[in-house]
Amino acid sequence: MWRLFAGLRRPKRRILGGELAGEVEAAGPAVTEFAGGDQVFGLNPWMLGAHAEFVCMREGGLIAHKPAGVSF
């Protein structure tokens, strides 16, 4: 059943992964919670693509500031 959603012969999305962690590279002018250089972690469960060098997410998505004592 999962193959109907993920792809029959190969993944629909070539870049897999739902969990991400890193630094904010840039934020749009309407973003108030995050700024460039902030360390964050989050999930991109339905779109996948988190195993990429850059990921674009909405401010209200499943993303939060990384606690200071936690490593990436």
PDB file of N, CA and C in Angstrom:
ATOM      1  N   MET A   1       0.822  -1.197   0.000  1.00  0.00           N
ATOM      2  CA  MET A   1       0.000   0.000   0.000  1.00  0.00           C
ATOM      3  C   MET A   1       0.870   1.266   0.000  1.00  0.00           C
ATOM      4  N   TRP A   2       1.970   1.239   0.756  1.00  0.00           N
ATOM      5  CA  TRP A   2       2.838   2.408   0.845  1.00  0.00           C
ATOM      6  C   TRP A   2       3.420   2.779  -0.515  1.00  0.00           C
ATOM      7  N   ARG A   3       3.676   1.817  -1.367  1.00  0.00           N
ATOM      8  CA  ARG A   3       4.262   2.092  -2.679  1.00  0.00           C
ATOM      9  C   ARG A   3       3.356   2.961  -3.558  1.00  0.00           C
ATOM     10  N   LEU A   4       2.061   2.925  -3.338  1.00  0.00           N
ATOM     11  CA  LEU A   4       1.158   3.792  -4.092  1.00  0.00           C
ATOM     12  C   LEU A   4       1.437   5.260  -3.791  1.00  0.00           C
ATOM     13  N   PHE A   5       1.812   5.566  -2.562  1.00  0.00           N
ATOM     14  CA  PHE A   5       2.113   6.942  -2.167  1.00  0.00           C
ATOM     15  C   PHE A   5       3.569   7.311  -2.426  1.00  0.00           C
ATOM     16  N   ALA A   6       4.488   6.366  -2.201  1.00  0.00           N
ATOM     17  CA  ALA A   6       5.919   6.668  -2.290  1.00  0.00           C
ATOM     18  C   ALA A   6       6.506   6.421  -3.670  1.00  0.00           C
ATOM     19  N   GLY A   7       5.834   5.666  -4.519  1.00  0.00           N
ATOM     20  CA  GLY A   7       6.344   5.351  -5.852  1.00  0.00           C
ATOM     21  C   GLY A   7       6.402   3.849  -6.054  1.00  0.00           C
ATOM     22  N   LEU A   8       6.024   3.404  -7.232  1.00  0.00           N
ATOM     23  CA  LEU A   8       5.972   1.968  -7.486  1.00  0.00           C
ATOM     24  C   LEU A   8       7.355   1.349  -7.676  1.00  0.00           C
ATOM     25  N   ARG A   9       8.139   1.870  -8.595  1.00  0.00           N
ATOM     26  CA  ARG A   9       9.448   1.287  -8.888  1.00  0.00           C
ATOM     27  C   ARG A   9      10.597   2.008  -8.202  1.00  0.00           C
ATOM     28  N   ARG A  10      10.433   3.287  -7.945  1.00  0.00           N
ATOM     29  CA  ARG A  10      11.465   4.095  -7.279  1.00  0.00           C
ATOM     30  C   ARG A  10      10.755   5.212  -6.526  1.00  0.00           C
ATOM     31  N   PRO A  11      11.431   5.848  -5.609  1.00  0.00           N
ATOM     32  CA  PRO A  11      10.778   6.916  -4.842  1.00  0.00           C
ATOM     33  C   PRO A  11      10.310   8.065  -5.739  1.00  0.00           C
ATOM     34  N   LYS A  12       9.133   8.616  -5.452  1.00  0.00           N
ATOM     35  CA  LYS A  12       8.644   9.780  -6.193  1.00  0.00           C
ATOM     36  C   LYS A  12       9.561  10.975  -5.953  1.00  0.00           C
ATOM     37  N   ARG A  13      10.018  11.124  -4.716  1.00  0.00           N
ATOM     38  CA  ARG A  13      10.950  12.202  -4.369  1.00  0.00           C
ATOM     39  C   ARG A  13      12.349  11.605  -4.343  1.00  0.00           C
ATOM     40  N   ARG A  14      13.249  12.120  -5.142  1.00  0.00           N
ATOM     41  CA  ARG A  14      14.607  11.576  -5.211  1.00  0.00           C
ATOM     42  C   ARG A  14      15.408  11.855  -3.944  1.00  0.00           C
ATOM     43  N   ILE A  15      15.144  12.958  -3.271  1.00  0.00           N
ATOM     44  CA  ILE A  15      15.836  13.284  -2.026  1.00  0.00           C
ATOM     45  C   ILE A  15      14.925  12.883  -0.874  1.00  0.00           C
ATOM     46  N   LEU A  16      15.324  11.873  -0.122  1.00  0.00           N
ATOM     47  CA  LEU A  16      14.504  11.341   0.948  1.00  0.00           C
ATOM     48  C   LEU A  16      14.791  12.048   2.266  1.00  0.00           C
ATOM     49  N   GLY A  17      14.199  11.582   3.315  1.00  0.00           N
ATOM     50  CA  GLY A  17      14.450  12.085   4.660  1.00  0.00           C
ATOM     51  C   GLY A  17      13.381  13.028   5.141  1.00  0.00           C
ATOM     52  N   GLY A  18      12.966  12.824   6.390  1.00  0.00           N
ATOM     53  CA  GLY A  18      11.948  13.679   6.961  1.00  0.00           C
ATOM     54  C   GLY A  18      12.447  14.509   8.127  1.00  0.00           C
ATOM     55  N   GLU A  19      13.586  14.102   8.738  1.00  0.00           N
ATOM     56  CA  GLU A  19      14.120  14.821   9.888  1.00  0.00           C
ATOM     57  C   GLU A  19      15.268  15.710   9.433  1.00  0.00           C
ATOM     58  N   LEU A  20      15.361  16.905  10.016  1.00  0.00           N
ATOM     59  CA  LEU A  20      16.415  17.832   9.620  1.00  0.00           C
ATOM     60  C   LEU A  20      16.948  18.590  10.823  1.00  0.00           C
ATOM     61  N   ALA A  21      18.169  19.053  10.722  1.00  0.00           N
ATOM     62  CA  ALA A  21      18.790  19.896  11.737  1.00  0.00           C
ATOM     63  C   ALA A  21      19.878  20.707  11.054  1.00  0.00           C
ATOM     64  N   GLY A  22      20.047  21.950  11.468  1.00  0.00           N
ATOM     65  CA  GLY A  22      21.070  22.793  10.873  1.00  0.00           C
ATOM     66  C   GLY A  22      20.896  24.246  11.261  1.00  0.00           C
ATOM     67  N   GLU A  23      21.487  25.119  10.471  1.00  0.00           N
ATOM     68  CA  GLU A  23      21.415  26.558  10.714  1.00  0.00           C
ATOM     69  C   GLU A  23      20.558  27.226   9.663  1.00  0.00           C
ATOM     70  N   VAL A  24      19.825  28.235  10.080  1.00  0.00           N
ATOM     71  CA  VAL A  24      19.007  29.016   9.147  1.00  0.00           C
ATOM     72  C   VAL A  24      19.962  29.840   8.289  1.00  0.00           C
ATOM     73  N   GLU A  25      19.865  29.673   6.991  1.00  0.00           N
ATOM     74  CA  GLU A  25      20.703  30.426   6.054  1.00  0.00           C
ATOM     75  C   GLU A  25      20.134  31.816   5.826  1.00  0.00           C
ATOM     76  N   ALA A  26      18.834  31.885   5.615  1.00  0.00           N
ATOM     77  CA  ALA A  26      18.166  33.164   5.364  1.00  0.00           C
ATOM     78  C   ALA A  26      16.686  33.012   5.697  1.00  0.00           C
ATOM     79  N   ALA A  27      16.055  34.118   6.033  1.00  0.00           N
ATOM     80  CA  ALA A  27      14.623  34.113   6.336  1.00  0.00           C
ATOM     81  C   ALA A  27      13.973  35.278   5.594  1.00  0.00           C
ATOM     82  N   GLY A  28      12.739  35.065   5.194  1.00  0.00           N
ATOM     83  CA  GLY A  28      12.008  36.101   4.470  1.00  0.00           C
ATOM     84  C   GLY A  28      11.632  37.265   5.374  1.00  0.00           C
ATOM     85  N   PRO A  29      11.195  38.359   4.777  1.00  0.00           N
ATOM     86  CA  PRO A  29      10.886  39.561   5.557  1.00  0.00           C
ATOM     87  C   PRO A  29       9.704  39.392   6.513  1.00  0.00           C
ATOM     88  N   ALA A  30       8.804  38.456   6.260  1.00  0.00           N
ATOM     89  CA  ALA A  30       7.654  38.254   7.134  1.00  0.00           C
ATOM     90  C   ALA A  30       7.935  37.288   8.283  1.00  0.00           C
ATOM     91  N   VAL A  31       9.103  36.660   8.289  1.00  0.00           N
ATOM     92  CA  VAL A  31       9.451  35.691   9.335  1.00  0.00           C
ATOM     93  C   VAL A  31       9.885  36.443  10.586  1.00  0.00           C
ATOM     94  N   THR A  32       9.272  36.113  11.724  1.00  0.00           N
ATOM     95  CA  THR A  32       9.581  36.807  12.976  1.00  0.00           C
ATOM     96  C   THR A  32      10.279  35.911  13.989  1.00  0.00           C
ATOM     97  N   GLU A  33      10.100  34.586  13.902  1.00  0.00           N
ATOM     98  CA  GLU A  33      10.640  33.687  14.923  1.00  0.00           C
ATOM     99  C   GLU A  33      12.071  33.247  14.646  1.00  0.00           C
ATOM    100  N   PHE A  34      12.488  33.230  13.391  1.00  0.00           N
ATOM    101  CA  PHE A  34      13.809  32.734  13.023  1.00  0.00           C
ATOM    102  C   PHE A  34      14.586  33.799  12.261  1.00  0.00           C
ATOM    103  N   ALA A  35      15.908  33.738  12.406  1.00  0.00           N
ATOM    104  CA  ALA A  35      16.790  34.654  11.681  1.00  0.00           C
ATOM    105  C   ALA A  35      18.002  33.867  11.197  1.00  0.00           C
ATOM    106  N   GLY A  36      18.739  34.419  10.265  1.00  0.00           N
ATOM    107  CA  GLY A  36      19.939  33.778   9.756  1.00  0.00           C
ATOM    108  C   GLY A  36      20.898  33.455  10.880  1.00  0.00           C
ATOM    109  N   GLY A  37      21.445  32.227  10.882  1.00  0.00           N
ATOM    110  CA  GLY A  37      22.382  31.798  11.899  1.00  0.00           C
ATOM    111  C   GLY A  37      21.752  31.037  13.058  1.00  0.00           C
ATOM    112  N   ASP A  38      20.437  31.055  13.185  1.00  0.00           N
ATOM    113  CA  ASP A  38      19.761  30.300  14.249  1.00  0.00           C
ATOM    114  C   ASP A  38      19.941  28.808  14.011  1.00  0.00           C
ATOM    115  N   GLN A  39      20.214  28.055  15.071  1.00  0.00           N
ATOM    116  CA  GLN A  39      20.311  26.603  14.971  1.00  0.00           C
ATOM    117  C   GLN A  39      18.924  26.019  15.219  1.00  0.00           C
ATOM    118  N   VAL A  40      18.477  25.157  14.311  1.00  0.00           N
ATOM    119  CA  VAL A  40      17.119  24.625  14.362  1.00  0.00           C
ATOM    120  C   VAL A  40      17.109  23.123  14.103  1.00  0.00           C
ATOM    121  N   PHE A  41      15.975  22.497  14.446  1.00  0.00           N
ATOM    122  CA  PHE A  41      15.718  21.113  14.082  1.00  0.00           C
ATOM    123  C   PHE A  41      14.239  20.990  13.774  1.00  0.00           C
ATOM    124  N   GLY A  42      13.877  19.957  13.041  1.00  0.00           N
ATOM    125  CA  GLY A  42      12.465  19.816  12.694  1.00  0.00           C
ATOM    126  C   GLY A  42      12.177  18.592  11.863  1.00  0.00           C
ATOM    127  N   LEU A  43      10.950  18.545  11.381  1.00  0.00           N
ATOM    128  CA  LEU A  43      10.461  17.448  10.555  1.00  0.00           C
ATOM    129  C   LEU A  43       9.839  18.006   9.280  1.00  0.00           C
ATOM    130  N   ASN A  44      10.010  17.279   8.215  1.00  0.00           N
ATOM    131  CA  ASN A  44       9.367  17.578   6.942  1.00  0.00           C
ATOM    132  C   ASN A  44       8.716  16.274   6.470  1.00  0.00           C
ATOM    133  N   PRO A  45       7.706  15.770   7.239  1.00  0.00           N
ATOM    134  CA  PRO A  45       7.247  14.391   7.056  1.00  0.00           C
ATOM    135  C   PRO A  45       6.569  14.074   5.738  1.00  0.00           C
ATOM    136  N   TRP A  46       5.746  14.944   5.193  1.00  0.00           N
ATOM    137  CA  TRP A  46       4.990  14.588   3.990  1.00  0.00           C
ATOM    138  C   TRP A  46       5.705  14.983   2.712  1.00  0.00           C
ATOM    139  N   MET A  47       6.483  16.045   2.737  1.00  0.00           N
ATOM    140  CA  MET A  47       7.195  16.474   1.536  1.00  0.00           C
ATOM    141  C   MET A  47       8.516  15.746   1.366  1.00  0.00           C
ATOM    142  N   LEU A  48       9.086  15.256   2.456  1.00  0.00           N
ATOM    143  CA  LEU A  48      10.413  14.634   2.455  1.00  0.00           C
ATOM    144  C   LEU A  48      11.441  15.634   1.915  1.00  0.00           C
ATOM    145  N   GLY A  49      12.579  15.156   1.471  1.00  0.00           N
ATOM    146  CA  GLY A  49      13.600  16.046   0.929  1.00  0.00           C
ATOM    147  C   GLY A  49      14.510  16.649   1.971  1.00  0.00           C
ATOM    148  N   ALA A  50      14.510  16.117   3.206  1.00  0.00           N
ATOM    149  CA  ALA A  50      15.329  16.691   4.271  1.00  0.00           C
ATOM    150  C   ALA A  50      16.796  16.285   4.169  1.00  0.00           C
ATOM    151  N   HIS A  51      17.130  15.289   3.361  1.00  0.00           N
ATOM    152  CA  HIS A  51      18.524  14.889   3.184  1.00  0.00           C
ATOM    153  C   HIS A  51      19.167  15.712   2.070  1.00  0.00           C
ATOM    154  N   ALA A  52      18.907  16.999   2.075  1.00  0.00           N
ATOM    155  CA  ALA A  52      19.436  17.914   1.073  1.00  0.00           C
ATOM    156  C   ALA A  52      20.319  18.944   1.765  1.00  0.00           C
ATOM    157  N   GLU A  53      21.079  19.679   0.983  1.00  0.00           N
ATOM    158  CA  GLU A  53      21.934  20.717   1.563  1.00  0.00           C
ATOM    159  C   GLU A  53      21.098  21.887   2.073  1.00  0.00           C
ATOM    160  N   PHE A  54      20.033  22.224   1.365  1.00  0.00           N
ATOM    161  CA  PHE A  54      19.140  23.314   1.768  1.00  0.00           C
ATOM    162  C   PHE A  54      17.703  22.815   1.728  1.00  0.00           C
ATOM    163  N   VAL A  55      16.908  23.237   2.718  1.00  0.00           N
ATOM    164  CA  VAL A  55      15.494  22.888   2.795  1.00  0.00           C
ATOM    165  C   VAL A  55      14.728  24.178   3.053  1.00  0.00           C
ATOM    166  N   CYS A  56      13.659  24.397   2.324  1.00  0.00           N
ATOM    167  CA  CYS A  56      12.811  25.579   2.509  1.00  0.00           C
ATOM    168  C   CYS A  56      11.564  25.143   3.265  1.00  0.00           C
ATOM    169  N   MET A  57      11.287  25.820   4.380  1.00  0.00           N
ATOM    170  CA  MET A  57      10.123  25.477   5.197  1.00  0.00           C
ATOM    171  C   MET A  57       9.378  26.729   5.614  1.00  0.00           C
ATOM    172  N   ARG A  58       8.102  26.563   5.938  1.00  0.00           N
ATOM    173  CA  ARG A  58       7.299  27.663   6.471  1.00  0.00           C
ATOM    174  C   ARG A  58       7.655  27.874   7.939  1.00  0.00           C
ATOM    175  N   GLU A  59       7.495  29.087   8.390  1.00  0.00           N
ATOM    176  CA  GLU A  59       7.789  29.408   9.790  1.00  0.00           C
ATOM    177  C   GLU A  59       6.888  28.622  10.736  1.00  0.00           C
ATOM    178  N   GLY A  60       5.665  28.373  10.354  1.00  0.00           N
ATOM    179  CA  GLY A  60       4.718  27.643  11.183  1.00  0.00           C
ATOM    180  C   GLY A  60       4.820  26.134  11.049  1.00  0.00           C
ATOM    181  N   GLY A  61       5.791  25.643  10.286  1.00  0.00           N
ATOM    182  CA  GLY A  61       5.959  24.205  10.099  1.00  0.00           C
ATOM    183  C   GLY A  61       6.516  23.535  11.341  1.00  0.00           C
ATOM    184  N   LEU A  62       6.838  22.267  11.216  1.00  0.00           N
ATOM    185  CA  LEU A  62       7.382  21.504  12.335  1.00  0.00           C
ATOM    186  C   LEU A  62       8.872  21.802  12.482  1.00  0.00           C
ATOM    187  N   ILE A  63       9.189  22.973  12.987  1.00  0.00           N
ATOM    188  CA  ILE A  63      10.562  23.423  13.138  1.00  0.00           C
ATOM    189  C   ILE A  63      10.670  24.216  14.438  1.00  0.00           C
ATOM    190  N   ALA A  64      11.792  24.054  15.137  1.00  0.00           N
ATOM    191  CA  ALA A  64      11.980  24.731  16.420  1.00  0.00           C
ATOM    192  C   ALA A  64      13.456  25.060  16.610  1.00  0.00           C
ATOM    193  N   HIS A  65      13.749  25.945  17.542  1.00  0.00           N
ATOM    194  CA  HIS A  65      15.130  26.265  17.891  1.00  0.00           C
ATOM    195  C   HIS A  65      15.761  25.056  18.594  1.00  0.00           C
ATOM    196  N   LYS A  66      17.006  24.757  18.253  1.00  0.00           N
ATOM    197  CA  LYS A  66      17.725  23.643  18.868  1.00  0.00           C
ATOM    198  C   LYS A  66      18.207  24.076  20.246  1.00  0.00           C
ATOM    199  N   PRO A  67      17.979  23.263  21.294  1.00  0.00           N
ATOM    200  CA  PRO A  67      18.488  23.613  22.620  1.00  0.00           C
ATOM    201  C   PRO A  67      20.016  23.719  22.607  1.00  0.00           C
ATOM    202  N   ALA A  68      20.577  24.591  23.409  1.00  0.00           N
ATOM    203  CA  ALA A  68      22.026  24.868  23.402  1.00  0.00           C
ATOM    204  C   ALA A  68      22.860  23.648  23.753  1.00  0.00           C
ATOM    205  N   GLY A  69      22.402  22.766  24.630  1.00  0.00           N
ATOM    206  CA  GLY A  69      23.190  21.624  25.067  1.00  0.00           C
ATOM    207  C   GLY A  69      23.071  20.403  24.189  1.00  0.00           C
ATOM    208  N   VAL A  70      22.339  20.473  23.094  1.00  0.00           N
ATOM    209  CA  VAL A  70      22.110  19.324  22.223  1.00  0.00           C
ATOM    210  C   VAL A  70      22.938  19.474  20.961  1.00  0.00           C
ATOM    211  N   SER A  71      23.635  18.401  20.558  1.00  0.00           N
ATOM    212  CA  SER A  71      24.420  18.453  19.322  1.00  0.00           C
ATOM    213  C   SER A  71      23.513  18.179  18.130  1.00  0.00           C
ATOM    214  N   PHE A  72      24.038  18.454  16.926  1.00  0.00           N
ATOM    215  CA  PHE A  72      23.268  18.183  15.721  1.00  0.00           C
ATOM    216  C   PHE A  72      23.142  16.688  15.523  1.00  0.00           C
TER     217      PHE A  72
END
